[in-house]
Amino acid sequence: MDDGFYRAFEDRYRGSRELITERLKAYLPFLSPLKSLYQDYPVLDLGCGRGEWLELLVAEGYAPTGVDLDEGMLEACQALDLPARNVDALAALKELPDNSLIAVTGFHIAEHIPFPVLQELVAEALRVLRPAGLLILETPNAESLVVGTNSFYLDPTHERPLPNLLLSFLAEHAGFAKSKIVRLQERAELRDDETKVGVWDVLSGTSPDYAVVGQKQALPEQLEAFNAVFDAAYGVSLDQLAVRYDKALERRLKGIEGGLATAREEFVTRDGLQDLMDRMQAHHVEQIALLQERFSETTEAQHQRFSEEAEALQLRFNAEVMAQQERFNQSILSLQQHCSGLQTGMNNVQQSYSDAMAQTEQVRAELNASLGNAHHWYLRATAYEQQLQAVHSSTSWRVTAPFRALVEAMHWPFQSGKSATGRTLRKVAPHARLWVARRPAIHRPVIAFLDRNPRLTAKLRQLYQQAAHAEAVHNAADPQHGVIDHAPLTERGRHIERALMQAMTKDQN
């Protein structure tokens, strides 16, 4: 690259010598404690450029040396009789013996070097530094959205942006005892937490440059003198601006919500809304004017660009205000219609509630009448049930049970259907078996007859088993009723029933 080109490029976009010298004064507090540790103060500046840092160090009493490969830059140093020579930065470090310097500095050189070479450069710097010596590397801050997406690539010799955490880790990994990230060159007003922050402040307000200051290991009492500068806070980060903007936006939204609540209570008129919009527009005009004023010190090209952006922002804002006003008017109409619908709905609900209360009263009256009738029929049913239980519990009912069974057997042939016949046989079978079992004189001939007729015996046993199964199901549901007539049994009746069941079980075994 033509030496004259890069010199002209730096003169235009780097800034004046006075501006750069003023910025570099931020590093003097880091170097100051070294004067109390050593008698001489040799410093090597890598990529010294036009020599602003060399000039400042000489004025402060240090013994600096600068190296650079650009002849156009070195001409500026030679014109001021500054100690600078044309040597590669890494080669210059390798020429030096161990523990020979109190500081190694490099301003906007790290982004020009391939990363493996940068690693070697940091390691060599650690070697040549004395105990408590400092390595200072300044580079563009990729954390700034404007720098990371635009201005960094303005320089055609830049390799790639270096995030501050990467450069800090590089120093720690090389063996430096301390590593401090120092953010630089932000607007002074943004350091105040009370300053209002806008979107443009978040995008461009982060410190445009940062430096990593690494310190070589030394005795604790030697390092203690540096605690104040290493513990101090520097610059403004993107996270800080974003959080401040979010908080300001939250406060602004709460204010808008409060204003809307007040407006709803006071029934804001269309004129009041127009006045509110006018005030909002005036506020944004003030913000845009302030934005233009902040960047009035930039170059003509930047000023023109910002003016165009501000004008475009004004046009977009006007369009947005009109759109918001239209949406607000529509929202008011929609809200009025919705309120009318709610009022109609409330009237309907109230009417429905009145009808439901009337129906409830009518149902309650009918329910009371029904309960009265139900109680009357319950009393009559209870009386009939007691009479029926008295009949079933009487001795005459149990004595006449065989006769009732005989009468049913006599009617059996006249009943229609095979199923009716089976039911009758199953009902008579338990009575007949009980009756025969209680009369030994009849029981023995009947048993002998059945032994001679196995088919008849099997049929009778099947009928008996079916009757026993049906009775068992019935007893599971109502254990207080007997197998003969399903009437409630007395204690004697249950005793007889158990004897019958034992006899049947014995025959089956």
Protein backbone atom coordinates (compact mmCIF):
# COMPACT_ATOMS: atom_id res chain seq x y z
CA MET A 1 0.00 0.00 0.00
CA ASP A 2 1.23 3.51 -0.85
CA ASP A 3 2.77 5.07 2.30
CA GLY A 4 1.23 8.42 1.49
CA PHE A 5 -2.24 6.88 1.25
CA TYR A 6 -2.27 5.47 4.77
CA ARG A 7 -0.81 8.64 6.26
CA ALA A 8 -3.54 10.69 4.55
CA PHE A 9 -6.16 8.16 5.67
CA GLU A 10 -5.04 8.40 9.31
CA ASP A 11 -4.96 12.20 9.19
CA ARG A 12 -8.55 12.29 7.99
CA TYR A 13 -10.24 9.59 10.10
CA ARG A 14 -7.95 9.04 13.09
CA GLY A 15 -8.24 12.61 14.38
CA SER A 16 -5.86 15.49 15.03
CA ARG A 17 -2.65 15.12 17.04
CA GLU A 18 -4.12 17.22 19.83
CA LEU A 19 -7.25 15.01 20.02
CA ILE A 20 -5.24 11.75 20.09
CA THR A 21 -2.79 13.14 22.69
CA GLU A 22 -5.68 14.13 24.94
CA ARG A 23 -7.18 10.64 24.66
CA LEU A 24 -3.86 8.91 25.45
CA LYS A 25 -3.56 10.74 28.77
CA ALA A 26 -6.03 8.19 30.17
CA TYR A 27 -3.16 5.66 30.41
CA LEU A 28 -0.76 7.81 32.44
CA PRO A 29 -2.30 6.76 35.83
CA PHE A 30 -1.42 3.13 34.99
CA LEU A 31 2.24 4.01 34.34
CA SER A 32 2.69 6.44 37.24
CA PRO A 33 3.31 3.82 40.03
CA LEU A 34 6.18 2.33 37.97
CA LYS A 35 8.27 5.44 38.66
CA SER A 36 8.43 4.50 42.33
CA LEU A 37 9.64 0.95 41.52
CA TYR A 38 12.45 1.63 39.05
CA GLN A 39 15.18 4.22 38.38
CA ASP A 40 14.87 4.21 34.59
CA TYR A 41 11.67 4.02 32.54
CA PRO A 42 12.19 2.33 29.16
CA VAL A 43 8.97 1.86 27.14
CA LEU A 44 8.48 0.25 23.70
CA ASP A 45 5.55 1.51 21.57
CA LEU A 46 4.55 -0.95 18.80
CA GLY A 47 3.05 0.70 15.69
CA CYS A 48 3.86 4.16 16.97
CA GLY A 49 2.23 5.90 13.95
CA ARG A 50 2.56 9.67 14.01
CA GLY A 51 4.18 9.54 17.49
CA GLU A 52 1.54 11.14 19.73
CA TRP A 53 2.17 8.62 22.51
CA LEU A 54 5.97 8.93 22.17
CA GLU A 55 5.70 12.71 22.47
CA LEU A 56 3.49 12.43 25.57
CA LEU A 57 5.84 9.91 27.26
CA VAL A 58 8.89 12.10 26.64
CA ALA A 59 7.04 15.04 28.21
CA GLU A 60 6.21 12.87 31.26
CA GLY A 61 9.84 11.81 31.80
CA TYR A 62 9.80 8.30 30.34
CA ALA A 63 12.34 6.86 27.87
CA PRO A 64 10.21 5.56 24.97
CA THR A 65 11.14 3.93 21.68
CA GLY A 66 8.72 3.50 18.79
CA VAL A 67 8.65 1.06 15.85
CA ASP A 68 6.46 1.14 12.73
CA LEU A 69 6.60 -0.24 9.17
CA ASP A 70 4.88 2.71 7.49
CA GLU A 71 7.37 5.30 6.23
CA GLY A 72 4.66 7.93 5.89
CA MET A 73 3.94 7.62 9.62
CA LEU A 74 7.62 7.62 10.56
CA GLU A 75 8.13 10.89 8.69
CA ALA A 76 5.82 12.60 11.21
CA CYS A 77 7.94 11.16 14.09
CA GLN A 78 11.21 12.24 12.45
CA ALA A 79 9.83 15.73 11.93
CA LEU A 80 9.43 16.01 15.74
CA ASP A 81 12.76 14.28 16.44
CA LEU A 82 11.03 11.39 18.22
CA PRO A 83 12.86 8.04 18.79
CA ALA A 84 11.16 5.85 16.15
CA ARG A 85 12.51 3.37 13.57
CA ASN A 86 11.28 1.11 10.79
CA VAL A 87 11.23 -2.35 12.43
CA ASP A 88 8.63 -5.11 12.66
CA ALA A 89 6.93 -5.13 16.08
CA LEU A 90 7.57 -8.82 16.84
CA ALA A 91 11.17 -8.59 15.65
CA ALA A 92 11.75 -5.55 17.86
CA LEU A 93 10.53 -7.49 20.92
CA LYS A 94 12.70 -10.50 20.15
CA GLU A 95 15.79 -8.26 20.03
CA LEU A 96 15.31 -7.23 23.67
CA PRO A 97 16.63 -9.13 26.72
CA ASP A 98 14.42 -10.43 29.52
CA ASN A 99 13.08 -7.96 32.11
CA SER A 100 14.28 -4.92 30.15
CA LEU A 101 11.13 -2.71 29.88
CA ILE A 102 8.60 -1.23 32.27
CA ALA A 103 5.84 -1.11 29.61
CA VAL A 104 4.98 -2.38 26.13
CA THR A 105 2.23 -0.44 24.36
CA GLY A 106 0.38 -0.80 21.08
CA PHE A 107 -2.46 1.47 19.98
CA HIS A 108 -4.65 0.12 17.17
CA ILE A 109 -2.10 -2.47 16.11
CA ALA A 110 -3.68 -5.71 17.42
CA GLU A 111 -6.48 -5.65 14.81
CA HIS A 112 -3.87 -5.45 12.01
CA ILE A 113 -2.04 -8.66 13.08
CA PRO A 114 -3.05 -12.29 12.36
CA PHE A 115 -4.11 -13.94 15.61
CA PRO A 116 -1.22 -16.48 15.85
CA VAL A 117 1.27 -13.60 15.47
CA LEU A 118 -0.65 -11.63 18.12
CA GLN A 119 -0.35 -14.58 20.52
CA GLU A 120 3.42 -14.67 20.01
CA LEU A 121 3.64 -10.89 20.42
CA VAL A 122 1.85 -11.01 23.80
CA ALA A 123 4.12 -13.84 25.00
CA GLU A 124 7.27 -11.89 23.98
CA ALA A 125 5.96 -8.77 25.74
CA LEU A 126 5.57 -10.77 28.97
CA ARG A 127 9.20 -11.94 28.64
CA VAL A 128 10.76 -8.50 28.20
CA LEU A 129 8.70 -6.78 30.93
CA ARG A 130 10.05 -6.26 34.40
CA PRO A 131 8.00 -7.41 37.44
CA ALA A 132 4.82 -5.30 37.68
CA GLY A 133 5.45 -4.09 34.11
CA LEU A 134 2.46 -3.28 31.90
CA LEU A 135 1.22 -4.39 28.48
CA ILE A 136 -1.30 -1.92 26.97
CA LEU A 137 -3.11 -2.91 23.75
CA GLU A 138 -5.83 -0.56 22.44
CA THR A 139 -8.18 -1.61 19.63
CA PRO A 140 -11.62 -0.69 18.19
CA ASN A 141 -14.45 -1.88 20.41
CA ALA A 142 -16.56 -4.38 18.46
CA GLU A 143 -19.11 -4.18 21.30
CA SER A 144 -20.24 -0.86 19.79
CA LEU A 145 -22.78 -1.66 17.07
CA VAL A 146 -21.64 1.24 14.90
CA VAL A 147 -17.98 0.24 15.20
CA GLY A 148 -18.51 -3.50 14.86
CA THR A 149 -20.74 -3.22 11.80
CA ASN A 150 -19.35 -0.16 10.01
CA SER A 151 -16.39 1.98 11.04
CA PHE A 152 -14.08 -0.97 11.80
CA TYR A 153 -14.13 -1.98 8.14
CA LEU A 154 -13.32 1.55 7.01
CA ASP A 155 -9.60 0.73 7.45
CA PRO A 156 -8.57 -1.68 4.64
CA THR A 157 -5.64 -3.06 6.70
CA HIS A 158 -7.81 -4.37 9.53
CA GLU A 159 -7.81 -8.18 9.93
CA ARG A 160 -10.86 -8.80 12.15
CA PRO A 161 -12.52 -7.25 15.23
CA LEU A 162 -11.25 -8.47 18.60
CA PRO A 163 -13.93 -8.78 21.32
CA ASN A 164 -12.67 -7.49 24.65
CA LEU A 165 -13.15 -10.84 26.40
CA LEU A 166 -10.94 -12.54 23.79
CA LEU A 167 -8.09 -10.04 24.16
CA SER A 168 -8.36 -10.11 27.95
CA PHE A 169 -8.24 -13.91 27.98
CA LEU A 170 -5.23 -13.85 25.65
CA ALA A 171 -3.28 -11.80 28.20
CA GLU A 172 -4.32 -14.04 31.09
CA HIS A 173 -3.49 -17.20 29.15
CA ALA A 174 -0.03 -15.84 28.30
CA GLY A 175 0.73 -15.52 32.03
CA PHE A 176 -0.08 -11.94 33.04
CA ALA A 177 -1.10 -11.69 36.71
CA LYS A 178 -3.77 -9.03 36.10
CA SER A 179 -5.92 -8.10 33.13
CA LYS A 180 -8.16 -5.02 33.00
CA ILE A 181 -10.59 -3.96 30.24
CA VAL A 182 -10.55 -0.16 29.86
CA ARG A 183 -13.34 1.30 27.68
CA LEU A 184 -12.50 4.67 26.11
CA GLN A 185 -13.67 7.68 24.10
CA GLU A 186 -17.39 7.54 24.88
CA ARG A 187 -19.40 10.75 25.19
CA ALA A 188 -18.95 12.17 28.69
CA GLU A 189 -22.68 12.68 29.32
CA LEU A 190 -23.38 8.96 28.84
CA ARG A 191 -21.31 8.13 31.92
CA ASP A 192 -24.02 9.74 34.06
CA ASP A 193 -26.69 7.15 34.87
CA GLU A 194 -29.30 9.92 35.03
CA THR A 195 -28.75 10.94 31.41
CA LYS A 196 -31.66 9.97 29.16
CA VAL A 197 -30.73 7.27 26.67
CA GLY A 198 -32.37 6.86 23.26
CA VAL A 199 -32.15 4.18 20.58
CA TRP A 200 -29.30 5.95 18.82
CA ASP A 201 -27.40 6.13 22.11
CA VAL A 202 -27.68 2.36 22.46
CA LEU A 203 -26.51 1.83 18.89
CA SER A 204 -23.60 4.29 18.90
CA GLY A 205 -22.98 5.34 22.51
CA THR A 206 -20.87 2.37 23.61
CA SER A 207 -17.20 3.25 24.04
CA PRO A 208 -15.78 3.13 20.49
CA ASP A 209 -12.32 1.96 21.67
CA TYR A 210 -11.08 -0.22 24.50
CA ALA A 211 -7.74 -1.38 25.82
CA VAL A 212 -6.60 -4.45 27.70
CA VAL A 213 -4.02 -3.58 30.36
CA GLY A 214 -2.06 -6.62 31.50
CA GLN A 215 0.39 -6.58 34.43
CA LYS A 216 3.27 -8.97 35.00
CA GLN A 217 3.52 -10.83 38.31
CA ALA A 218 5.40 -9.07 41.11
CA LEU A 219 5.59 -8.88 44.89
CA PRO A 220 2.23 -8.11 46.55
CA GLU A 221 3.53 -4.82 47.95
CA GLN A 222 4.60 -3.78 44.44
CA LEU A 223 1.19 -4.64 42.94
CA GLU A 224 -0.70 -2.89 45.71
CA ALA A 225 0.18 0.54 44.31
CA PHE A 226 -1.82 -0.30 41.15
CA ASN A 227 -5.04 -1.40 42.92
CA ALA A 228 -6.78 1.97 42.52
CA VAL A 229 -6.41 2.15 38.73
CA PHE A 230 -7.22 -1.52 38.22
CA ASP A 231 -10.34 -1.37 40.42
CA ALA A 232 -11.80 1.77 38.80
CA ALA A 233 -14.66 1.56 36.28
CA TYR A 234 -14.07 2.83 32.74
CA GLY A 235 -16.35 3.71 29.86
CA VAL A 236 -19.85 2.59 28.94
CA SER A 237 -20.76 -0.92 27.80
CA LEU A 238 -23.56 -1.96 25.47
CA ASP A 239 -25.23 -3.86 28.32
CA GLN A 240 -25.30 -0.75 30.52
CA LEU A 241 -26.85 1.40 27.79
CA ALA A 242 -29.42 -1.26 26.90
CA VAL A 243 -30.48 -1.69 30.53
CA ARG A 244 -30.71 2.09 31.02
CA TYR A 245 -32.77 2.40 27.85
CA ASP A 246 -35.10 -0.40 28.98
CA LYS A 247 -35.58 1.25 32.36
CA ALA A 248 -36.23 4.63 30.77
CA LEU A 249 -38.66 3.05 28.33
CA GLU A 250 -40.41 1.28 31.17
CA ARG A 251 -40.77 4.54 33.07
CA ARG A 252 -42.02 6.22 29.91
CA LEU A 253 -44.59 3.48 29.29
CA LYS A 254 -45.79 3.68 32.86
CA GLY A 255 -46.21 7.41 32.40
CA ILE A 256 -48.16 6.85 29.18
CA GLU A 257 -50.34 4.26 30.91
CA GLY A 258 -50.97 6.70 33.75
CA GLY A 259 -51.80 9.41 31.23
CA LEU A 260 -54.20 7.11 29.40
CA ALA A 261 -55.87 6.15 32.66
CA THR A 262 -56.29 9.82 33.53
CA ALA A 263 -57.57 10.51 30.02
CA ARG A 264 -60.16 7.76 30.33
CA GLU A 265 -61.31 9.14 33.65
CA GLU A 266 -61.62 12.66 32.27
CA PHE A 267 -63.15 11.56 28.93
CA VAL A 268 -60.38 12.92 26.73
CA THR A 269 -61.76 14.87 23.81
CA ARG A 270 -60.44 14.89 20.25
CA ASP A 271 -58.90 18.33 20.88
CA GLY A 272 -57.11 17.01 23.95
CA LEU A 273 -55.77 14.10 21.92
CA GLN A 274 -54.50 16.48 19.23
CA ASP A 275 -52.78 18.57 21.89
CA LEU A 276 -51.12 15.41 23.26
CA MET A 277 -49.92 14.45 19.79
CA ASP A 278 -48.56 17.97 19.25
CA ARG A 279 -46.61 17.79 22.49
CA MET A 280 -45.21 14.38 21.53
CA GLN A 281 -44.18 15.71 18.16
CA ALA A 282 -42.53 18.74 19.76
CA HIS A 283 -40.64 16.45 22.11
CA HIS A 284 -39.36 14.32 19.25
CA VAL A 285 -38.39 17.43 17.32
CA GLU A 286 -36.34 18.50 20.33
CA GLN A 287 -34.73 15.07 20.48
CA ILE A 288 -33.84 15.22 16.80
CA ALA A 289 -32.43 18.71 17.20
CA LEU A 290 -30.34 17.51 20.16
CA LEU A 291 -29.12 14.58 18.07
CA GLN A 292 -28.07 16.94 15.29
CA GLU A 293 -26.29 19.19 17.78
CA ARG A 294 -24.34 16.29 19.31
CA PHE A 295 -22.84 15.38 15.97
CA SER A 296 -22.19 18.92 14.78
CA GLU A 297 -18.46 18.47 15.48
CA THR A 298 -18.10 15.52 13.10
CA THR A 299 -16.91 15.74 9.51
CA GLU A 300 -19.06 17.23 6.77
CA ALA A 301 -19.78 13.80 5.31
CA GLN A 302 -20.90 12.44 8.66
CA HIS A 303 -22.92 15.58 9.33
CA GLN A 304 -24.67 15.25 5.98
CA ARG A 305 -25.42 11.61 6.65
CA PHE A 306 -26.80 12.30 10.10
CA SER A 307 -28.92 15.16 8.73
CA GLU A 308 -30.41 12.88 6.11
CA GLU A 309 -31.07 10.23 8.74
CA ALA A 310 -32.66 12.81 11.02
CA GLU A 311 -34.88 14.04 8.19
CA ALA A 312 -35.89 10.48 7.36
CA LEU A 313 -36.56 9.89 11.05
CA GLN A 314 -38.75 13.00 11.13
CA LEU A 315 -40.75 11.79 8.13
CA ARG A 316 -41.16 8.35 9.63
CA PHE A 317 -42.21 9.86 12.93
CA ASN A 318 -44.82 12.08 11.27
CA ALA A 319 -46.22 9.08 9.44
CA GLU A 320 -46.21 7.08 12.65
CA VAL A 321 -47.97 9.87 14.56
CA MET A 322 -50.70 10.03 11.93
CA ALA A 323 -51.08 6.27 11.96
CA GLN A 324 -51.20 6.21 15.76
CA GLN A 325 -53.79 8.99 15.80
CA GLU A 326 -55.95 7.08 13.31
CA ARG A 327 -55.60 3.87 15.32
CA PHE A 328 -56.46 5.75 18.51
CA ASN A 329 -59.62 7.20 16.95
CA GLN A 330 -60.64 3.76 15.75
CA SER A 331 -59.93 2.35 19.22
CA ILE A 332 -62.17 5.02 20.82
CA LEU A 333 -65.04 4.16 18.43
CA SER A 334 -64.52 0.45 19.00
CA LEU A 335 -64.47 1.00 22.76
CA GLN A 336 -67.73 2.95 22.62
CA GLN A 337 -69.39 0.21 20.57
CA HIS A 338 -68.06 -2.41 22.94
CA CYS A 339 -69.43 -0.50 25.95
CA SER A 340 -72.86 -0.27 24.27
CA GLY A 341 -72.78 -4.00 23.65
CA LEU A 342 -71.82 -4.62 27.27
CA GLN A 343 -74.71 -2.46 28.49
CA THR A 344 -77.18 -4.41 26.31
CA GLY A 345 -75.68 -7.65 27.56
CA MET A 346 -76.07 -6.50 31.18
CA ASN A 347 -79.73 -5.68 30.58
CA ASN A 348 -80.28 -9.12 29.05
CA VAL A 349 -78.49 -10.81 31.92
CA GLN A 350 -80.57 -8.88 34.46
CA GLN A 351 -83.80 -9.89 32.69
CA SER A 352 -82.64 -13.51 32.52
CA TYR A 353 -81.81 -13.40 36.21
CA SER A 354 -85.29 -12.09 37.04
CA ASP A 355 -86.92 -14.85 34.93
CA ALA A 356 -84.72 -17.48 36.55
CA MET A 357 -85.68 -16.26 40.04
CA ALA A 358 -89.38 -16.47 39.14
CA GLN A 359 -88.94 -20.00 37.75
CA THR A 360 -87.00 -20.96 40.86
CA GLU A 361 -89.82 -19.81 43.11
CA GLN A 362 -92.34 -21.79 41.01
CA VAL A 363 -90.18 -24.92 41.13
CA ARG A 364 -89.74 -24.49 44.89
CA ALA A 365 -93.53 -24.35 45.38
CA GLU A 366 -94.05 -27.44 43.21
CA LEU A 367 -91.25 -29.24 45.03
CA ASN A 368 -92.85 -28.50 48.42
CA ALA A 369 -96.18 -29.86 47.15
CA SER A 370 -94.48 -32.96 45.75
CA LEU A 371 -92.65 -33.55 49.02
CA GLY A 372 -95.96 -33.37 50.88
CA ASN A 373 -97.53 -35.99 48.54
CA ALA A 374 -94.44 -38.15 48.69
CA HIS A 375 -94.52 -38.16 52.49
CA HIS A 376 -98.20 -39.20 52.46
CA TRP A 377 -97.56 -42.13 50.12
CA TYR A 378 -94.45 -43.07 52.09
CA LEU A 379 -96.51 -43.39 55.27
CA ARG A 380 -99.09 -45.57 53.47
CA ALA A 381 -96.40 -47.75 51.89
CA THR A 382 -94.76 -48.21 55.30
CA ALA A 383 -98.07 -49.31 56.82
CA TYR A 384 -98.65 -51.84 54.00
CA GLU A 385 -95.14 -53.16 54.33
CA GLN A 386 -95.60 -53.70 58.08
CA GLN A 387 -98.86 -55.55 57.46
CA LEU A 388 -97.19 -57.73 54.81
CA GLN A 389 -94.26 -58.49 57.12
CA ALA A 390 -96.75 -59.48 59.88
CA VAL A 391 -98.47 -61.91 57.49
CA HIS A 392 -95.17 -63.44 56.31
CA SER A 393 -93.97 -63.77 59.91
CA SER A 394 -97.13 -65.57 61.04
CA THR A 395 -97.17 -69.31 61.81
CA SER A 396 -100.08 -69.89 59.46
CA TRP A 397 -98.06 -68.57 56.51
CA ARG A 398 -95.21 -70.98 57.22
CA VAL A 399 -97.59 -73.95 57.91
CA THR A 400 -99.48 -73.39 54.67
CA ALA A 401 -96.32 -73.07 52.59
CA PRO A 402 -96.46 -76.78 51.42
CA PHE A 403 -100.09 -76.41 50.52
CA ARG A 404 -99.37 -73.29 48.50
CA ALA A 405 -96.64 -75.15 46.72
CA LEU A 406 -99.06 -78.06 46.03
CA VAL A 407 -101.62 -75.64 44.62
CA GLU A 408 -98.99 -74.11 42.38
CA ALA A 409 -97.99 -77.58 41.23
CA MET A 410 -101.59 -78.36 40.37
CA HIS A 411 -101.72 -75.23 38.25
CA TRP A 412 -98.43 -75.98 36.63
CA PRO A 413 -99.77 -78.09 33.70
CA PHE A 414 -102.06 -75.28 32.76
CA GLN A 415 -99.29 -72.71 32.50
CA SER A 416 -98.02 -72.00 28.99
CA GLY A 417 -94.40 -72.27 27.96
CA LYS A 418 -91.49 -74.48 28.92
CA SER A 419 -89.78 -71.72 30.89
CA ALA A 420 -92.78 -71.38 33.23
CA THR A 421 -92.67 -75.16 33.88
CA GLY A 422 -88.99 -75.01 34.72
CA ARG A 423 -89.50 -72.11 37.11
CA THR A 424 -92.33 -73.96 38.91
CA LEU A 425 -90.25 -77.15 39.29
CA ARG A 426 -87.31 -75.18 40.60
CA LYS A 427 -89.58 -73.46 43.11
CA VAL A 428 -91.30 -76.67 44.30
CA ALA A 429 -88.09 -78.75 44.43
CA PRO A 430 -86.67 -77.29 47.68
CA HIS A 431 -90.03 -77.66 49.48
CA ALA A 432 -90.47 -81.21 48.30
CA ARG A 433 -86.96 -82.19 49.30
CA LEU A 434 -87.38 -80.65 52.73
CA TRP A 435 -90.74 -82.35 53.20
CA VAL A 436 -89.36 -85.79 52.20
CA ALA A 437 -86.18 -85.35 54.27
CA ARG A 438 -88.26 -84.86 57.44
CA ARG A 439 -90.16 -88.14 56.93
CA PRO A 440 -87.81 -91.16 57.06
CA ALA A 441 -90.54 -93.61 56.17
CA ILE A 442 -91.04 -91.89 52.84
CA HIS A 443 -87.43 -90.74 52.36
CA ARG A 444 -85.96 -94.30 52.07
CA PRO A 445 -88.33 -95.58 49.33
CA VAL A 446 -87.91 -92.33 47.37
CA ILE A 447 -84.12 -92.64 47.49
CA ALA A 448 -84.30 -96.26 46.37
CA PHE A 449 -86.59 -95.30 43.50
CA LEU A 450 -84.25 -92.53 42.41
CA ASP A 451 -81.26 -94.89 42.55
CA ARG A 452 -83.02 -97.15 40.07
CA ASN A 453 -83.75 -94.18 37.77
CA PRO A 454 -80.48 -92.28 37.25
CA ARG A 455 -81.85 -90.07 34.43
CA LEU A 456 -84.69 -88.85 36.63
CA THR A 457 -82.23 -88.34 39.48
CA ALA A 458 -79.94 -86.25 37.23
CA LYS A 459 -82.87 -84.13 36.07
CA LEU A 460 -84.11 -83.50 39.62
CA ARG A 461 -80.58 -82.67 40.75
CA GLN A 462 -80.21 -80.17 37.87
CA LEU A 463 -83.49 -78.51 38.88
CA TYR A 464 -82.38 -78.41 42.50
CA GLN A 465 -78.99 -76.90 41.64
CA GLN A 466 -80.64 -74.21 39.52
CA ALA A 467 -82.97 -73.38 42.39
CA ALA A 468 -80.05 -73.29 44.84
CA HIS A 469 -78.06 -71.02 42.51
CA ALA A 470 -80.98 -68.61 42.07
CA GLU A 471 -81.50 -68.54 45.80
CA ALA A 472 -77.83 -67.89 46.47
CA VAL A 473 -77.94 -64.89 44.13
CA HIS A 474 -81.03 -63.64 45.87
CA ASN A 475 -79.53 -64.18 49.34
CA ALA A 476 -76.42 -62.21 48.33
CA ALA A 477 -78.67 -59.26 47.57
CA ASP A 478 -81.06 -59.79 50.51
CA PRO A 479 -79.65 -62.12 53.20
CA GLN A 480 -82.71 -61.63 55.49
CA HIS A 481 -85.13 -63.59 53.17
CA GLY A 482 -85.54 -67.37 52.87
CA VAL A 483 -85.48 -69.78 49.93
CA ILE A 484 -89.07 -70.94 50.23
CA ASP A 485 -91.10 -67.81 49.67
CA HIS A 486 -88.58 -64.97 49.99
CA ALA A 487 -90.37 -63.63 53.05
CA PRO A 488 -88.37 -62.23 55.99
CA LEU A 489 -87.31 -65.21 58.23
CA THR A 490 -87.47 -65.50 61.96
CA GLU A 491 -84.62 -67.05 63.92
CA ARG A 492 -86.32 -70.47 63.76
CA GLY A 493 -86.84 -70.11 60.00
CA ARG A 494 -83.18 -69.37 59.43
CA HIS A 495 -82.27 -72.44 61.57
CA ILE A 496 -84.43 -74.65 59.36
CA GLU A 497 -82.95 -73.14 56.24
CA ARG A 498 -79.38 -73.87 57.44
CA ALA A 499 -80.39 -77.51 58.16
CA LEU A 500 -81.79 -77.80 54.64
CA MET A 501 -78.61 -76.38 53.10
CA GLN A 502 -76.45 -78.83 55.08
CA ALA A 503 -78.60 -81.72 53.90
CA MET A 504 -78.27 -80.61 50.28
CA THR A 505 -74.52 -80.24 50.62
CA LYS A 506 -74.25 -83.69 52.12
CA ASP A 507 -76.16 -85.27 49.22
CA GLN A 508 -73.97 -83.49 46.69
CA ASN A 509 -70.80 -84.79 48.35
